[in-house]
Amino acid sequence: MRFAQVAVRVWGCSMDFENPEVTALEGINAFRNFLISIGMPRNFAELGAKEEDIPTLVQNLCYGNGRDGKIGGFVSLTKSDCEEIYKMMV
């Protein structure tokens, strides 16, 4: 439901009260299109990164700036979670 609310409030999507997942997916697509419009890389190939860069990226993400190895707000992510997300981007 939170993603559906963001879709409506931020991206101007119409709320589908019967199926809020449809609204959430519409919002995700709107966000993706926004990132594309500002030239944000969508995957490792566009970023110029490789799978062997994952350990360094995770180290910087999870342990930089004195973090304790977890990041997040809505959902707390561990180092292992971050590695798996990066692997999906390869």
PDB file of N, CA and C in Angstrom:
ATOM      1  N   MET A   1       0.815  -1.189   0.000  1.00  0.00           N
ATOM      2  CA  MET A   1       0.000   0.000   0.000  1.00  0.00           C
ATOM      3  C   MET A   1       0.865   1.262   0.000  1.00  0.00           C
ATOM      4  N   ARG A   2       2.019   1.197   0.673  1.00  0.00           N
ATOM      5  CA  ARG A   2       2.902   2.369   0.686  1.00  0.00           C
ATOM      6  C   ARG A   2       3.377   2.737  -0.712  1.00  0.00           C
ATOM      7  N   PHE A   3       3.699   1.729  -1.512  1.00  0.00           N
ATOM      8  CA  PHE A   3       4.150   2.001  -2.870  1.00  0.00           C
ATOM      9  C   PHE A   3       3.015   2.597  -3.704  1.00  0.00           C
ATOM     10  N   ALA A   4       1.817   2.140  -3.478  1.00  0.00           N
ATOM     11  CA  ALA A   4       0.660   2.716  -4.180  1.00  0.00           C
ATOM     12  C   ALA A   4       0.472   4.173  -3.770  1.00  0.00           C
ATOM     13  N   GLN A   5       0.639   4.471  -2.488  1.00  0.00           N
ATOM     14  CA  GLN A   5       0.512   5.854  -2.022  1.00  0.00           C
ATOM     15  C   GLN A   5       1.565   6.755  -2.651  1.00  0.00           C
ATOM     16  N   VAL A   6       2.787   6.270  -2.752  1.00  0.00           N
ATOM     17  CA  VAL A   6       3.843   7.051  -3.400  1.00  0.00           C
ATOM     18  C   VAL A   6       3.499   7.271  -4.871  1.00  0.00           C
ATOM     19  N   ALA A   7       2.993   6.235  -5.519  1.00  0.00           N
ATOM     20  CA  ALA A   7       2.616   6.358  -6.929  1.00  0.00           C
ATOM     21  C   ALA A   7       1.599   7.481  -7.128  1.00  0.00           C
ATOM     22  N   VAL A   8       0.637   7.557  -6.231  1.00  0.00           N
ATOM     23  CA  VAL A   8      -0.409   8.574  -6.338  1.00  0.00           C
ATOM     24  C   VAL A   8       0.131   9.951  -5.957  1.00  0.00           C
ATOM     25  N   ARG A   9       0.805  10.028  -4.822  1.00  0.00           N
ATOM     26  CA  ARG A   9       1.230  11.328  -4.286  1.00  0.00           C
ATOM     27  C   ARG A   9       2.414  11.942  -5.026  1.00  0.00           C
ATOM     28  N   VAL A  10       3.331  11.101  -5.474  1.00  0.00           N
ATOM     29  CA  VAL A  10       4.541  11.625  -6.112  1.00  0.00           C
ATOM     30  C   VAL A  10       4.434  11.614  -7.633  1.00  0.00           C
ATOM     31  N   TRP A  11       3.926  10.534  -8.179  1.00  0.00           N
ATOM     32  CA  TRP A  11       3.939  10.370  -9.631  1.00  0.00           C
ATOM     33  C   TRP A  11       2.610  10.666 -10.288  1.00  0.00           C
ATOM     34  N   GLY A  12       1.590  11.005  -9.517  1.00  0.00           N
ATOM     35  CA  GLY A  12       0.309  11.403 -10.091  1.00  0.00           C
ATOM     36  C   GLY A  12      -0.499  10.271 -10.696  1.00  0.00           C
ATOM     37  N   CYS A  13      -0.232   9.058 -10.268  1.00  0.00           N
ATOM     38  CA  CYS A  13      -0.982   7.902 -10.778  1.00  0.00           C
ATOM     39  C   CYS A  13      -2.376   7.887 -10.159  1.00  0.00           C
ATOM     40  N   SER A  14      -3.305   7.272 -10.869  1.00  0.00           N
ATOM     41  CA  SER A  14      -4.664   7.107 -10.344  1.00  0.00           C
ATOM     42  C   SER A  14      -4.693   5.882  -9.436  1.00  0.00           C
ATOM     43  N   MET A  15      -5.334   6.009  -8.286  1.00  0.00           N
ATOM     44  CA  MET A  15      -5.402   4.906  -7.330  1.00  0.00           C
ATOM     45  C   MET A  15      -6.427   3.879  -7.775  1.00  0.00           C
ATOM     46  N   ASP A  16      -5.992   2.633  -7.856  1.00  0.00           N
ATOM     47  CA  ASP A  16      -6.883   1.506  -8.140  1.00  0.00           C
ATOM     48  C   ASP A  16      -7.178   0.844  -6.796  1.00  0.00           C
ATOM     49  N   PHE A  17      -8.289   1.225  -6.184  1.00  0.00           N
ATOM     50  CA  PHE A  17      -8.626   0.725  -4.852  1.00  0.00           C
ATOM     51  C   PHE A  17      -8.933  -0.767  -4.856  1.00  0.00           C
ATOM     52  N   GLU A  18      -9.384  -1.277  -5.983  1.00  0.00           N
ATOM     53  CA  GLU A  18      -9.664  -2.707  -6.101  1.00  0.00           C
ATOM     54  C   GLU A  18      -8.365  -3.514  -6.114  1.00  0.00           C
ATOM     55  N   ASN A  19      -7.316  -2.914  -6.700  1.00  0.00           N
ATOM     56  CA  ASN A  19      -6.041  -3.614  -6.821  1.00  0.00           C
ATOM     57  C   ASN A  19      -4.893  -2.614  -6.679  1.00  0.00           C
ATOM     58  N   PRO A  20      -4.524  -2.269  -5.446  1.00  0.00           N
ATOM     59  CA  PRO A  20      -3.470  -1.278  -5.243  1.00  0.00           C
ATOM     60  C   PRO A  20      -2.118  -1.690  -5.825  1.00  0.00           C
ATOM     61  N   GLU A  21      -1.919  -2.981  -6.027  1.00  0.00           N
ATOM     62  CA  GLU A  21      -0.667  -3.438  -6.631  1.00  0.00           C
ATOM     63  C   GLU A  21      -0.497  -2.876  -8.042  1.00  0.00           C
ATOM     64  N   VAL A  22      -1.591  -2.747  -8.770  1.00  0.00           N
ATOM     65  CA  VAL A  22      -1.541  -2.159 -10.108  1.00  0.00           C
ATOM     66  C   VAL A  22      -1.050  -0.718 -10.020  1.00  0.00           C
ATOM     67  N   THR A  23      -1.551   0.021  -9.042  1.00  0.00           N
ATOM     68  CA  THR A  23      -1.114   1.401  -8.839  1.00  0.00           C
ATOM     69  C   THR A  23       0.361   1.445  -8.458  1.00  0.00           C
ATOM     70  N   ALA A  24       0.779   0.558  -7.568  1.00  0.00           N
ATOM     71  CA  ALA A  24       2.183   0.510  -7.149  1.00  0.00           C
ATOM     72  C   ALA A  24       3.089   0.238  -8.348  1.00  0.00           C
ATOM     73  N   LEU A  25       2.732  -0.703  -9.183  1.00  0.00           N
ATOM     74  CA  LEU A  25       3.536  -1.029 -10.363  1.00  0.00           C
ATOM     75  C   LEU A  25       3.578   0.134 -11.351  1.00  0.00           C
ATOM     76  N   GLU A  26       2.471   0.849 -11.480  1.00  0.00           N
ATOM     77  CA  GLU A  26       2.433   2.034 -12.334  1.00  0.00           C
ATOM     78  C   GLU A  26       3.404   3.098 -11.799  1.00  0.00           C
ATOM     79  N   GLY A  27       3.440   3.252 -10.484  1.00  0.00           N
ATOM     80  CA  GLY A  27       4.363   4.193  -9.869  1.00  0.00           C
ATOM     81  C   GLY A  27       5.813   3.788 -10.053  1.00  0.00           C
ATOM     82  N   ILE A  28       6.095   2.499  -9.921  1.00  0.00           N
ATOM     83  CA  ILE A  28       7.454   2.000 -10.144  1.00  0.00           C
ATOM     84  C   ILE A  28       7.879   2.295 -11.575  1.00  0.00           C
ATOM     85  N   ASN A  29       6.978   2.084 -12.516  1.00  0.00           N
ATOM     86  CA  ASN A  29       7.278   2.369 -13.916  1.00  0.00           C
ATOM     87  C   ASN A  29       7.513   3.865 -14.134  1.00  0.00           C
ATOM     88  N   ALA A  30       6.721   4.705 -13.481  1.00  0.00           N
ATOM     89  CA  ALA A  30       6.905   6.157 -13.591  1.00  0.00           C
ATOM     90  C   ALA A  30       8.265   6.561 -13.033  1.00  0.00           C
ATOM     91  N   PHE A  31       8.658   5.965 -11.908  1.00  0.00           N
ATOM     92  CA  PHE A  31       9.964   6.255 -11.316  1.00  0.00           C
ATOM     93  C   PHE A  31      11.081   5.815 -12.252  1.00  0.00           C
ATOM     94  N   ARG A  32      10.938   4.624 -12.825  1.00  0.00           N
ATOM     95  CA  ARG A  32      11.930   4.105 -13.774  1.00  0.00           C
ATOM     96  C   ARG A  32      12.070   5.054 -14.960  1.00  0.00           C
ATOM     97  N   ASN A  33      10.943   5.508 -15.498  1.00  0.00           N
ATOM     98  CA  ASN A  33      10.986   6.434 -16.631  1.00  0.00           C
ATOM     99  C   ASN A  33      11.646   7.755 -16.255  1.00  0.00           C
ATOM    100  N   PHE A  34      11.422   8.215 -15.030  1.00  0.00           N
ATOM    101  CA  PHE A  34      12.078   9.430 -14.562  1.00  0.00           C
ATOM    102  C   PHE A  34      13.588   9.243 -14.531  1.00  0.00           C
ATOM    103  N   LEU A  35      14.044   8.126 -13.965  1.00  0.00           N
ATOM    104  CA  LEU A  35      15.482   7.867 -13.895  1.00  0.00           C
ATOM    105  C   LEU A  35      16.099   7.820 -15.293  1.00  0.00           C
ATOM    106  N   ILE A  36      15.402   7.201 -16.232  1.00  0.00           N
ATOM    107  CA  ILE A  36      15.883   7.148 -17.610  1.00  0.00           C
ATOM    108  C   ILE A  36      15.968   8.563 -18.180  1.00  0.00           C
ATOM    109  N   SER A  37      14.968   9.383 -17.892  1.00  0.00           N
ATOM    110  CA  SER A  37      14.921  10.741 -18.453  1.00  0.00           C
ATOM    111  C   SER A  37      16.066  11.623 -17.962  1.00  0.00           C
ATOM    112  N   ILE A  38      16.620  11.337 -16.790  1.00  0.00           N
ATOM    113  CA  ILE A  38      17.738  12.135 -16.284  1.00  0.00           C
ATOM    114  C   ILE A  38      19.087  11.451 -16.535  1.00  0.00           C
ATOM    115  N   GLY A  39      19.056  10.354 -17.294  1.00  0.00           N
ATOM    116  CA  GLY A  39      20.296   9.687 -17.675  1.00  0.00           C
ATOM    117  C   GLY A  39      20.898   8.780 -16.623  1.00  0.00           C
ATOM    118  N   MET A  40      20.109   8.379 -15.635  1.00  0.00           N
ATOM    119  CA  MET A  40      20.597   7.493 -14.578  1.00  0.00           C
ATOM    120  C   MET A  40      20.791   6.084 -15.145  1.00  0.00           C
ATOM    121  N   PRO A  41      21.949   5.467 -14.883  1.00  0.00           N
ATOM    122  CA  PRO A  41      22.161   4.089 -15.354  1.00  0.00           C
ATOM    123  C   PRO A  41      21.140   3.146 -14.707  1.00  0.00           C
ATOM    124  N   ARG A  42      20.644   2.190 -15.487  1.00  0.00           N
ATOM    125  CA  ARG A  42      19.644   1.249 -14.982  1.00  0.00           C
ATOM    126  C   ARG A  42      20.236  -0.089 -14.572  1.00  0.00           C
ATOM    127  N   ASN A  43      21.453  -0.351 -14.996  1.00  0.00           N
ATOM    128  CA  ASN A  43      22.065  -1.642 -14.684  1.00  0.00           C
ATOM    129  C   ASN A  43      23.585  -1.503 -14.698  1.00  0.00           C
ATOM    130  N   PHE A  44      24.265  -2.590 -14.402  1.00  0.00           N
ATOM    131  CA  PHE A  44      25.722  -2.546 -14.334  1.00  0.00           C
ATOM    132  C   PHE A  44      26.350  -2.217 -15.682  1.00  0.00           C
ATOM    133  N   ALA A  45      25.777  -2.720 -16.765  1.00  0.00           N
ATOM    134  CA  ALA A  45      26.344  -2.460 -18.087  1.00  0.00           C
ATOM    135  C   ALA A  45      26.331  -0.966 -18.385  1.00  0.00           C
ATOM    136  N   GLU A  46      25.227  -0.297 -18.110  1.00  0.00           N
ATOM    137  CA  GLU A  46      25.133   1.140 -18.361  1.00  0.00           C
ATOM    138  C   GLU A  46      26.026   1.930 -17.408  1.00  0.00           C
ATOM    139  N   LEU A  47      26.255   1.394 -16.226  1.00  0.00           N
ATOM    140  CA  LEU A  47      27.117   2.050 -15.240  1.00  0.00           C
ATOM    141  C   LEU A  47      28.598   1.843 -15.553  1.00  0.00           C
ATOM    142  N   GLY A  48      28.891   0.753 -16.282  1.00  0.00           N
ATOM    143  CA  GLY A  48      30.276   0.417 -16.576  1.00  0.00           C
ATOM    144  C   GLY A  48      30.898  -0.442 -15.491  1.00  0.00           C
ATOM    145  N   ALA A  49      30.084  -1.002 -14.622  1.00  0.00           N
ATOM    146  CA  ALA A  49      30.573  -1.864 -13.540  1.00  0.00           C
ATOM    147  C   ALA A  49      30.499  -3.326 -13.975  1.00  0.00           C
ATOM    148  N   LYS A  50      31.252  -4.165 -13.264  1.00  0.00           N
ATOM    149  CA  LYS A  50      31.290  -5.596 -13.558  1.00  0.00           C
ATOM    150  C   LYS A  50      30.992  -6.376 -12.280  1.00  0.00           C
ATOM    151  N   GLU A  51      30.702  -7.657 -12.441  1.00  0.00           N
ATOM    152  CA  GLU A  51      30.372  -8.487 -11.283  1.00  0.00           C
ATOM    153  C   GLU A  51      31.504  -8.495 -10.256  1.00  0.00           C
ATOM    154  N   GLU A  52      32.734  -8.453 -10.718  1.00  0.00           N
ATOM    155  CA  GLU A  52      33.855  -8.469  -9.773  1.00  0.00           C
ATOM    156  C   GLU A  52      33.959  -7.176  -8.959  1.00  0.00           C
ATOM    157  N   ASP A  53      33.188  -6.143  -9.335  1.00  0.00           N
ATOM    158  CA  ASP A  53      33.158  -4.896  -8.569  1.00  0.00           C
ATOM    159  C   ASP A  53      32.212  -4.958  -7.363  1.00  0.00           C
ATOM    160  N   ILE A  54      31.381  -5.995  -7.287  1.00  0.00           N
ATOM    161  CA  ILE A  54      30.361  -6.085  -6.237  1.00  0.00           C
ATOM    162  C   ILE A  54      30.946  -6.002  -4.824  1.00  0.00           C
ATOM    163  N   PRO A  55      31.998  -6.749  -4.479  1.00  0.00           N
ATOM    164  CA  PRO A  55      32.511  -6.646  -3.106  1.00  0.00           C
ATOM    165  C   PRO A  55      32.902  -5.215  -2.713  1.00  0.00           C
ATOM    166  N   THR A  56      33.526  -4.498  -3.621  1.00  0.00           N
ATOM    167  CA  THR A  56      33.916  -3.115  -3.329  1.00  0.00           C
ATOM    168  C   THR A  56      32.684  -2.232  -3.175  1.00  0.00           C
ATOM    169  N   LEU A  57      31.700  -2.407  -4.057  1.00  0.00           N
ATOM    170  CA  LEU A  57      30.477  -1.618  -3.974  1.00  0.00           C
ATOM    171  C   LEU A  57      29.745  -1.874  -2.658  1.00  0.00           C
ATOM    172  N   VAL A  58      29.651  -3.140  -2.263  1.00  0.00           N
ATOM    173  CA  VAL A  58      28.976  -3.483  -1.005  1.00  0.00           C
ATOM    174  C   VAL A  58      29.749  -2.925   0.181  1.00  0.00           C
ATOM    175  N   GLN A  59      31.054  -3.026   0.146  1.00  0.00           N
ATOM    176  CA  GLN A  59      31.874  -2.501   1.233  1.00  0.00           C
ATOM    177  C   GLN A  59      31.634  -0.997   1.401  1.00  0.00           C
ATOM    178  N   ASN A  60      31.626  -0.286   0.299  1.00  0.00           N
ATOM    179  CA  ASN A  60      31.402   1.159   0.357  1.00  0.00           C
ATOM    180  C   ASN A  60      29.980   1.493   0.803  1.00  0.00           C
ATOM    181  N   LEU A  61      29.027   0.706   0.359  1.00  0.00           N
ATOM    182  CA  LEU A  61      27.627   0.955   0.693  1.00  0.00           C
ATOM    183  C   LEU A  61      27.322   0.637   2.153  1.00  0.00           C
ATOM    184  N   CYS A  62      27.789  -0.510   2.620  1.00  0.00           N
ATOM    185  CA  CYS A  62      27.403  -0.995   3.943  1.00  0.00           C
ATOM    186  C   CYS A  62      28.321  -0.547   5.070  1.00  0.00           C
ATOM    187  N   TYR A  63      29.537  -0.203   4.749  1.00  0.00           N
ATOM    188  CA  TYR A  63      30.473   0.103   5.822  1.00  0.00           C
ATOM    189  C   TYR A  63      31.070   1.499   5.726  1.00  0.00           C
ATOM    190  N   GLY A  64      30.719   2.240   4.705  1.00  0.00           N
ATOM    191  CA  GLY A  64      31.201   3.603   4.581  1.00  0.00           C
ATOM    192  C   GLY A  64      30.525   4.506   5.604  1.00  0.00           C
ATOM    193  N   ASN A  65      31.133   5.609   5.900  1.00  0.00           N
ATOM    194  CA  ASN A  65      30.578   6.615   6.817  1.00  0.00           C
ATOM    195  C   ASN A  65      30.207   6.056   8.191  1.00  0.00           C
ATOM    196  N   GLY A  66      30.954   5.051   8.662  1.00  0.00           N
ATOM    197  CA  GLY A  66      30.733   4.541  10.007  1.00  0.00           C
ATOM    198  C   GLY A  66      29.475   3.706  10.185  1.00  0.00           C
ATOM    199  N   ARG A  67      28.892   3.208   9.120  1.00  0.00           N
ATOM    200  CA  ARG A  67      27.695   2.360   9.240  1.00  0.00           C
ATOM    201  C   ARG A  67      28.056   1.028   9.876  1.00  0.00           C
ATOM    202  N   ASP A  68      27.066   0.377  10.445  1.00  0.00           N
ATOM    203  CA  ASP A  68      27.289  -0.890  11.153  1.00  0.00           C
ATOM    204  C   ASP A  68      27.088  -2.112  10.279  1.00  0.00           C
ATOM    205  N   GLY A  69      26.980  -1.946   8.981  1.00  0.00           N
ATOM    206  CA  GLY A  69      26.785  -3.084   8.090  1.00  0.00           C
ATOM    207  C   GLY A  69      25.354  -3.255   7.648  1.00  0.00           C
ATOM    208  N   LYS A  70      24.453  -2.411   8.116  1.00  0.00           N
ATOM    209  CA  LYS A  70      23.062  -2.443   7.671  1.00  0.00           C
ATOM    210  C   LYS A  70      22.716  -1.067   7.132  1.00  0.00           C
ATOM    211  N   ILE A  71      21.892  -1.075   6.104  1.00  0.00           N
ATOM    212  CA  ILE A  71      21.407   0.187   5.549  1.00  0.00           C
ATOM    213  C   ILE A  71      19.900   0.087   5.391  1.00  0.00           C
ATOM    214  N   GLY A  72      19.266   1.199   5.162  1.00  0.00           N
ATOM    215  CA  GLY A  72      17.850   1.181   4.854  1.00  0.00           C
ATOM    216  C   GLY A  72      17.040   2.039   5.780  1.00  0.00           C
ATOM    217  N   GLY A  73      15.801   2.148   5.445  1.00  0.00           N
ATOM    218  CA  GLY A  73      14.851   2.903   6.224  1.00  0.00           C
ATOM    219  C   GLY A  73      13.534   2.148   6.259  1.00  0.00           C
ATOM    220  N   PHE A  74      12.915   2.005   5.093  1.00  0.00           N
ATOM    221  CA  PHE A  74      11.669   1.257   4.976  1.00  0.00           C
ATOM    222  C   PHE A  74      11.917  -0.219   5.274  1.00  0.00           C
ATOM    223  N   VAL A  75      13.041  -0.733   4.750  1.00  0.00           N
ATOM    224  CA  VAL A  75      13.473  -2.107   4.993  1.00  0.00           C
ATOM    225  C   VAL A  75      14.958  -2.061   5.313  1.00  0.00           C
ATOM    226  N   SER A  76      15.376  -2.750   6.353  1.00  0.00           N
ATOM    227  CA  SER A  76      16.786  -2.806   6.708  1.00  0.00           C
ATOM    228  C   SER A  76      17.465  -3.897   5.888  1.00  0.00           C
ATOM    229  N   LEU A  77      18.579  -3.549   5.230  1.00  0.00           N
ATOM    230  CA  LEU A  77      19.292  -4.492   4.377  1.00  0.00           C
ATOM    231  C   LEU A  77      20.655  -4.824   4.975  1.00  0.00           C
ATOM    232  N   THR A  78      21.003  -6.108   4.945  1.00  0.00           N
ATOM    233  CA  THR A  78      22.314  -6.549   5.408  1.00  0.00           C
ATOM    234  C   THR A  78      23.293  -6.540   4.232  1.00  0.00           C
ATOM    235  N   LYS A  79      24.546  -6.798   4.541  1.00  0.00           N
ATOM    236  CA  LYS A  79      25.568  -6.891   3.504  1.00  0.00           C
ATOM    237  C   LYS A  79      25.187  -7.950   2.473  1.00  0.00           C
ATOM    238  N   SER A  80      24.704  -9.085   2.940  1.00  0.00           N
ATOM    239  CA  SER A  80      24.297 -10.170   2.045  1.00  0.00           C
ATOM    240  C   SER A  80      23.129  -9.746   1.146  1.00  0.00           C
ATOM    241  N   ASP A  81      22.164  -9.034   1.719  1.00  0.00           N
ATOM    242  CA  ASP A  81      21.035  -8.527   0.921  1.00  0.00           C
ATOM    243  C   ASP A  81      21.543  -7.633  -0.209  1.00  0.00           C
ATOM    244  N   CYS A  82      22.471  -6.747   0.131  1.00  0.00           N
ATOM    245  CA  CYS A  82      23.017  -5.807  -0.846  1.00  0.00           C
ATOM    246  C   CYS A  82      23.761  -6.543  -1.955  1.00  0.00           C
ATOM    247  N   GLU A  83      24.517  -7.577  -1.593  1.00  0.00           N
ATOM    248  CA  GLU A  83      25.224  -8.378  -2.593  1.00  0.00           C
ATOM    249  C   GLU A  83      24.236  -9.010  -3.568  1.00  0.00           C
ATOM    250  N   GLU A  84      23.142  -9.553  -3.046  1.00  0.00           N
ATOM    251  CA  GLU A  84      22.142 -10.193  -3.902  1.00  0.00           C
ATOM    252  C   GLU A  84      21.468  -9.181  -4.831  1.00  0.00           C
ATOM    253  N   ILE A  85      21.186  -7.998  -4.334  1.00  0.00           N
ATOM    254  CA  ILE A  85      20.588  -6.957  -5.181  1.00  0.00           C
ATOM    255  C   ILE A  85      21.545  -6.560  -6.287  1.00  0.00           C
ATOM    256  N   TYR A  86      22.803  -6.364  -5.944  1.00  0.00           N
ATOM    257  CA  TYR A  86      23.804  -6.026  -6.967  1.00  0.00           C
ATOM    258  C   TYR A  86      23.933  -7.141  -8.006  1.00  0.00           C
ATOM    259  N   LYS A  87      23.873  -8.386  -7.573  1.00  0.00           N
ATOM    260  CA  LYS A  87      23.980  -9.515  -8.510  1.00  0.00           C
ATOM    261  C   LYS A  87      22.822  -9.517  -9.502  1.00  0.00           C
ATOM    262  N   MET A  88      21.652  -9.068  -9.081  1.00  0.00           N
ATOM    263  CA  MET A  88      20.504  -8.988  -9.994  1.00  0.00           C
ATOM    264  C   MET A  88      20.737  -7.935 -11.073  1.00  0.00           C
ATOM    265  N   MET A  89      21.607  -6.979 -10.804  1.00  0.00           N
ATOM    266  CA  MET A  89      21.859  -5.900 -11.748  1.00  0.00           C
ATOM    267  C   MET A  89      22.874  -6.290 -12.838  1.00  0.00           C
ATOM    268  N   VAL A  90      23.590  -7.387 -12.614  1.00  0.00           N
ATOM    269  CA  VAL A  90      24.634  -7.779 -13.567  1.00  0.00           C
ATOM    270  C   VAL A  90      24.008  -8.229 -14.868  1.00  0.00           C
TER     271      VAL A  90
END
